[in-house]
Amino acid sequence: MQDLNSGQENRSGRVVMESNCAQDTFCIGQLLGEKAKAGMLFCLDGELGTGKTVFAKGFAKGLGITEPVNSPTFTILQEYKGGRLPLYHFDVYRIGSPEEMDELGYEDYFYGDGVCLVEWASRISEVLPADTIYIKLEKDLEKGLSYRRIVLIFAGEGSNEDFSY
């Protein structure tokens, strides 16, 4: 498994990492959670079964959260406050429009004192801040059933430097 500094970075603010098993995906999430700072927003996208929830569990561990982490599919938002920073874990798969995010009071979370992790973030792209960190999990069946390509995209000015991966 690679560390964050061994990912392939290019000028567009992308880092590409490879995962060969669920434990690798968990560990990459954990590394990012360890580096996360208050006010950061991480957006996860990928097909069903690509490891978004496994990644989220590792991310939570990186924040020092010890309670079980599950995808908040039916509740949309799960809050975890037992780590060094609060984690606000969204699953917006069932969101029909950005207006539904207003009803949740998303701005209090996105611009609050914790870290946000949003699964299925492409469904609410209209409300995402400019400095969002995007994480795309992709399968490549030619490399095996457990293989995942994890692409980090640092949007906005300075996001990459601020994250200091």
C-alpha atoms as a PDB file:
ATOM      1  CA  MET A   1       0.000   0.000   0.000  1.00  0.00           C
ATOM      2  CA  GLN A   2       1.207   3.495  -0.791  1.00  0.00           C
ATOM      3  CA  ASP A   3       1.445   6.475   1.506  1.00  0.00           C
ATOM      4  CA  LEU A   4       0.044   9.813   0.419  1.00  0.00           C
ATOM      5  CA  ASN A   5       3.417  11.115  -0.662  1.00  0.00           C
ATOM      6  CA  SER A   6       3.937   8.228  -3.077  1.00  0.00           C
ATOM      7  CA  GLY A   7       0.757   8.921  -5.053  1.00  0.00           C
ATOM      8  CA  GLN A   8       1.242  10.214  -8.560  1.00  0.00           C
ATOM      9  CA  GLU A   9       0.601  13.958  -8.545  1.00  0.00           C
ATOM     10  CA  ASN A  10       0.215  16.108 -11.581  1.00  0.00           C
ATOM     11  CA  ARG A  11      -0.121  19.852 -12.078  1.00  0.00           C
ATOM     12  CA  SER A  12      -3.905  19.809 -11.998  1.00  0.00           C
ATOM     13  CA  GLY A  13      -3.931  19.042  -8.268  1.00  0.00           C
ATOM     14  CA  ARG A  14      -4.616  15.320  -8.676  1.00  0.00           C
ATOM     15  CA  VAL A  15      -3.114  12.465  -6.737  1.00  0.00           C
ATOM     16  CA  VAL A  16      -3.738   8.915  -7.954  1.00  0.00           C
ATOM     17  CA  MET A  17      -3.374   6.055  -5.485  1.00  0.00           C
ATOM     18  CA  GLU A  18      -3.977   2.351  -5.864  1.00  0.00           C
ATOM     19  CA  SER A  19      -5.724  -0.038  -3.525  1.00  0.00           C
ATOM     20  CA  ASN A  20      -5.528  -3.795  -3.950  1.00  0.00           C
ATOM     21  CA  CYS A  21      -7.898  -4.712  -1.134  1.00  0.00           C
ATOM     22  CA  ALA A  22     -10.417  -3.250   1.309  1.00  0.00           C
ATOM     23  CA  GLN A  23      -7.673  -2.840   3.936  1.00  0.00           C
ATOM     24  CA  ASP A  24      -5.686  -0.623   1.536  1.00  0.00           C
ATOM     25  CA  THR A  25      -8.770   1.530   0.949  1.00  0.00           C
ATOM     26  CA  PHE A  26      -9.325   1.752   4.721  1.00  0.00           C
ATOM     27  CA  CYS A  27      -5.690   2.782   5.266  1.00  0.00           C
ATOM     28  CA  ILE A  28      -5.811   5.476   2.570  1.00  0.00           C
ATOM     29  CA  GLY A  29      -8.935   6.849   4.265  1.00  0.00           C
ATOM     30  CA  GLN A  30      -7.143   6.712   7.616  1.00  0.00           C
ATOM     31  CA  LEU A  31      -4.150   8.654   6.275  1.00  0.00           C
ATOM     32  CA  LEU A  32      -6.427  11.367   4.923  1.00  0.00           C
ATOM     33  CA  GLY A  33      -8.342  11.508   8.205  1.00  0.00           C
ATOM     34  CA  GLU A  34      -5.077  11.985  10.085  1.00  0.00           C
ATOM     35  CA  LYS A  35      -4.242  14.974   7.864  1.00  0.00           C
ATOM     36  CA  ALA A  36      -7.727  16.531   7.878  1.00  0.00           C
ATOM     37  CA  LYS A  37      -8.218  19.960   9.409  1.00  0.00           C
ATOM     38  CA  ALA A  38     -11.317  21.730  10.705  1.00  0.00           C
ATOM     39  CA  GLY A  39     -13.444  23.149   7.911  1.00  0.00           C
ATOM     40  CA  MET A  40     -12.310  20.680   5.247  1.00  0.00           C
ATOM     41  CA  LEU A  41     -14.848  19.066   2.964  1.00  0.00           C
ATOM     42  CA  PHE A  42     -14.118  15.703   1.340  1.00  0.00           C
ATOM     43  CA  CYS A  43     -16.466  14.419  -1.335  1.00  0.00           C
ATOM     44  CA  LEU A  44     -16.600  10.738  -2.261  1.00  0.00           C
ATOM     45  CA  ASP A  45     -17.941   9.433  -5.508  1.00  0.00           C
ATOM     46  CA  GLY A  46     -17.874   6.022  -7.114  1.00  0.00           C
ATOM     47  CA  GLU A  47     -20.175   3.245  -8.221  1.00  0.00           C
ATOM     48  CA  LEU A  48     -21.911   1.034  -5.705  1.00  0.00           C
ATOM     49  CA  GLY A  49     -19.420  -1.340  -4.152  1.00  0.00           C
ATOM     50  CA  THR A  50     -16.282   0.696  -4.813  1.00  0.00           C
ATOM     51  CA  GLY A  51     -15.474   1.121  -1.121  1.00  0.00           C
ATOM     52  CA  LYS A  52     -16.858   4.518  -0.140  1.00  0.00           C
ATOM     53  CA  THR A  53     -18.014   3.275   3.259  1.00  0.00           C
ATOM     54  CA  VAL A  54     -14.765   1.358   3.846  1.00  0.00           C
ATOM     55  CA  PHE A  55     -12.894   4.570   3.047  1.00  0.00           C
ATOM     56  CA  ALA A  56     -15.179   6.503   5.453  1.00  0.00           C
ATOM     57  CA  LYS A  57     -14.452   4.031   8.256  1.00  0.00           C
ATOM     58  CA  GLY A  58     -10.712   4.513   7.762  1.00  0.00           C
ATOM     59  CA  PHE A  59     -11.152   8.289   7.578  1.00  0.00           C
ATOM     60  CA  ALA A  60     -13.008   8.247  10.907  1.00  0.00           C
ATOM     61  CA  LYS A  61     -10.255   6.174  12.484  1.00  0.00           C
ATOM     62  CA  GLY A  62      -7.728   8.749  11.252  1.00  0.00           C
ATOM     63  CA  LEU A  63      -9.705  11.386  13.157  1.00  0.00           C
ATOM     64  CA  GLY A  64      -9.547   9.218  16.286  1.00  0.00           C
ATOM     65  CA  ILE A  65     -13.200   8.174  16.184  1.00  0.00           C
ATOM     66  CA  THR A  66     -13.672   4.777  17.779  1.00  0.00           C
ATOM     67  CA  GLU A  67     -17.435   4.279  17.491  1.00  0.00           C
ATOM     68  CA  PRO A  68     -18.776   2.193  14.589  1.00  0.00           C
ATOM     69  CA  VAL A  69     -19.162   4.113  11.334  1.00  0.00           C
ATOM     70  CA  ASN A  70     -21.907   3.210   8.896  1.00  0.00           C
ATOM     71  CA  SER A  71     -23.154   4.822   5.735  1.00  0.00           C
ATOM     72  CA  PRO A  72     -25.988   7.166   6.727  1.00  0.00           C
ATOM     73  CA  THR A  73     -28.057   6.214   3.666  1.00  0.00           C
ATOM     74  CA  PHE A  74     -31.453   6.504   5.350  1.00  0.00           C
ATOM     75  CA  THR A  75     -30.617   9.316   7.767  1.00  0.00           C
ATOM     76  CA  ILE A  76     -28.523  11.329   5.260  1.00  0.00           C
ATOM     77  CA  LEU A  77     -26.265  12.680   8.024  1.00  0.00           C
ATOM     78  CA  GLN A  78     -24.417  10.957  10.827  1.00  0.00           C
ATOM     79  CA  GLU A  79     -22.409  12.972  13.359  1.00  0.00           C
ATOM     80  CA  TYR A  80     -19.375  11.568  15.163  1.00  0.00           C
ATOM     81  CA  LYS A  81     -17.873  13.695  17.906  1.00  0.00           C
ATOM     82  CA  GLY A  82     -15.510  11.313  19.699  1.00  0.00           C
ATOM     83  CA  GLY A  83     -12.322  12.190  17.761  1.00  0.00           C
ATOM     84  CA  ARG A  84      -9.913  15.101  17.564  1.00  0.00           C
ATOM     85  CA  LEU A  85     -12.441  16.852  15.278  1.00  0.00           C
ATOM     86  CA  PRO A  86     -16.146  16.262  14.747  1.00  0.00           C
ATOM     87  CA  LEU A  87     -16.946  14.263  11.606  1.00  0.00           C
ATOM     88  CA  TYR A  88     -20.118  15.022   9.690  1.00  0.00           C
ATOM     89  CA  HIS A  89     -20.718  12.070   7.389  1.00  0.00           C
ATOM     90  CA  PHE A  90     -23.314  12.684   4.691  1.00  0.00           C
ATOM     91  CA  ASP A  91     -24.766  10.176   2.250  1.00  0.00           C
ATOM     92  CA  VAL A  92     -26.721  12.252  -0.254  1.00  0.00           C
ATOM     93  CA  TYR A  93     -27.738   9.405  -2.561  1.00  0.00           C
ATOM     94  CA  ARG A  94     -31.400   9.983  -1.706  1.00  0.00           C
ATOM     95  CA  ILE A  95     -31.267  13.775  -2.050  1.00  0.00           C
ATOM     96  CA  GLY A  96     -33.450  14.882  -4.931  1.00  0.00           C
ATOM     97  CA  SER A  97     -32.338  18.507  -5.166  1.00  0.00           C
ATOM     98  CA  PRO A  98     -29.900  20.988  -3.638  1.00  0.00           C
ATOM     99  CA  GLU A  99     -32.868  22.602  -1.851  1.00  0.00           C
ATOM    100  CA  GLU A 100     -33.127  19.483   0.322  1.00  0.00           C
ATOM    101  CA  MET A 101     -29.614  20.244   1.540  1.00  0.00           C
ATOM    102  CA  ASP A 102     -30.870  23.660   2.690  1.00  0.00           C
ATOM    103  CA  GLU A 103     -33.480  21.881   4.814  1.00  0.00           C
ATOM    104  CA  LEU A 104     -30.674  19.936   6.509  1.00  0.00           C
ATOM    105  CA  GLY A 105     -28.815  23.135   7.322  1.00  0.00           C
ATOM    106  CA  TYR A 106     -25.780  21.867   5.428  1.00  0.00           C
ATOM    107  CA  GLU A 107     -23.936  25.197   5.672  1.00  0.00           C
ATOM    108  CA  ASP A 108     -23.619  24.793   9.448  1.00  0.00           C
ATOM    109  CA  TYR A 109     -21.696  21.586   8.779  1.00  0.00           C
ATOM    110  CA  PHE A 110     -19.770  22.560   5.633  1.00  0.00           C
ATOM    111  CA  TYR A 111     -18.509  25.763   7.257  1.00  0.00           C
ATOM    112  CA  GLY A 112     -18.401  24.537  10.853  1.00  0.00           C
ATOM    113  CA  ASP A 113     -15.755  23.371  13.281  1.00  0.00           C
ATOM    114  CA  GLY A 114     -15.518  19.796  12.032  1.00  0.00           C
ATOM    115  CA  VAL A 115     -14.698  17.852   8.900  1.00  0.00           C
ATOM    116  CA  CYS A 116     -17.327  16.822   6.345  1.00  0.00           C
ATOM    117  CA  LEU A 117     -17.252  13.626   4.342  1.00  0.00           C
ATOM    118  CA  VAL A 118     -19.956  13.477   1.663  1.00  0.00           C
ATOM    119  CA  GLU A 119     -20.784  10.259  -0.209  1.00  0.00           C
ATOM    120  CA  TRP A 120     -22.408  10.620  -3.657  1.00  0.00           C
ATOM    121  CA  ALA A 121     -21.318  14.262  -3.667  1.00  0.00           C
ATOM    122  CA  SER A 122     -21.849  14.730  -7.417  1.00  0.00           C
ATOM    123  CA  ARG A 123     -25.602  14.807  -6.681  1.00  0.00           C
ATOM    124  CA  ILE A 124     -25.194  18.149  -4.845  1.00  0.00           C
ATOM    125  CA  SER A 125     -22.391  19.755  -6.855  1.00  0.00           C
ATOM    126  CA  GLU A 126     -24.250  23.083  -6.915  1.00  0.00           C
ATOM    127  CA  VAL A 127     -23.751  23.643  -3.172  1.00  0.00           C
ATOM    128  CA  LEU A 128     -20.147  22.455  -2.799  1.00  0.00           C
ATOM    129  CA  PRO A 129     -17.529  25.084  -1.872  1.00  0.00           C
ATOM    130  CA  ALA A 130     -14.699  25.908  -4.265  1.00  0.00           C
ATOM    131  CA  ASP A 131     -12.018  24.379  -2.034  1.00  0.00           C
ATOM    132  CA  THR A 132     -13.607  20.936  -1.825  1.00  0.00           C
ATOM    133  CA  ILE A 133     -11.360  17.867  -1.965  1.00  0.00           C
ATOM    134  CA  TYR A 134     -12.857  15.283  -4.309  1.00  0.00           C
ATOM    135  CA  ILE A 135     -12.154  11.581  -3.965  1.00  0.00           C
ATOM    136  CA  LYS A 136     -13.158   9.276  -6.804  1.00  0.00           C
ATOM    137  CA  LEU A 137     -13.061   5.520  -6.232  1.00  0.00           C
ATOM    138  CA  GLU A 138     -12.902   3.523  -9.463  1.00  0.00           C
ATOM    139  CA  LYS A 139     -12.856  -0.180 -10.241  1.00  0.00           C
ATOM    140  CA  ASP A 140     -10.614  -1.668 -12.914  1.00  0.00           C
ATOM    141  CA  LEU A 141     -11.650  -5.283 -13.368  1.00  0.00           C
ATOM    142  CA  GLU A 142      -8.607  -5.973 -15.541  1.00  0.00           C
ATOM    143  CA  LYS A 143      -6.530  -5.500 -12.377  1.00  0.00           C
ATOM    144  CA  GLY A 144      -8.758  -7.728 -10.253  1.00  0.00           C
ATOM    145  CA  LEU A 145     -12.047  -7.651  -8.367  1.00  0.00           C
ATOM    146  CA  SER A 146     -10.541  -5.956  -5.300  1.00  0.00           C
ATOM    147  CA  TYR A 147      -8.497  -3.330  -7.138  1.00  0.00           C
ATOM    148  CA  ARG A 148      -9.477   0.325  -6.743  1.00  0.00           C
ATOM    149  CA  ARG A 149      -7.976   3.461  -8.212  1.00  0.00           C
ATOM    150  CA  ILE A 150      -8.439   6.302  -5.751  1.00  0.00           C
ATOM    151  CA  VAL A 151      -8.128   9.734  -7.314  1.00  0.00           C
ATOM    152  CA  LEU A 152      -7.844  12.802  -5.075  1.00  0.00           C
ATOM    153  CA  ILE A 153      -8.644  16.101  -6.752  1.00  0.00           C
ATOM    154  CA  PHE A 154      -7.743  19.245  -4.879  1.00  0.00           C
ATOM    155  CA  ALA A 155     -10.073  21.996  -6.099  1.00  0.00           C
ATOM    156  CA  GLY A 156      -9.645  25.703  -5.475  1.00  0.00           C
ATOM    157  CA  GLU A 157      -6.630  27.854  -4.805  1.00  0.00           C
ATOM    158  CA  GLY A 158      -4.204  26.395  -2.299  1.00  0.00           C
ATOM    159  CA  SER A 159      -6.263  23.328  -1.343  1.00  0.00           C
ATOM    160  CA  ASN A 160      -3.344  21.059  -2.132  1.00  0.00           C
ATOM    161  CA  GLU A 161      -0.869  23.117  -0.081  1.00  0.00           C
ATOM    162  CA  ASP A 162      -3.296  23.593   2.820  1.00  0.00           C
ATOM    163  CA  PHE A 163      -3.770  19.854   3.061  1.00  0.00           C
ATOM    164  CA  SER A 164      -0.024  19.216   3.157  1.00  0.00           C
ATOM    165  CA  TYR A 165      -0.324  15.545   2.322  1.00  0.00           C
END
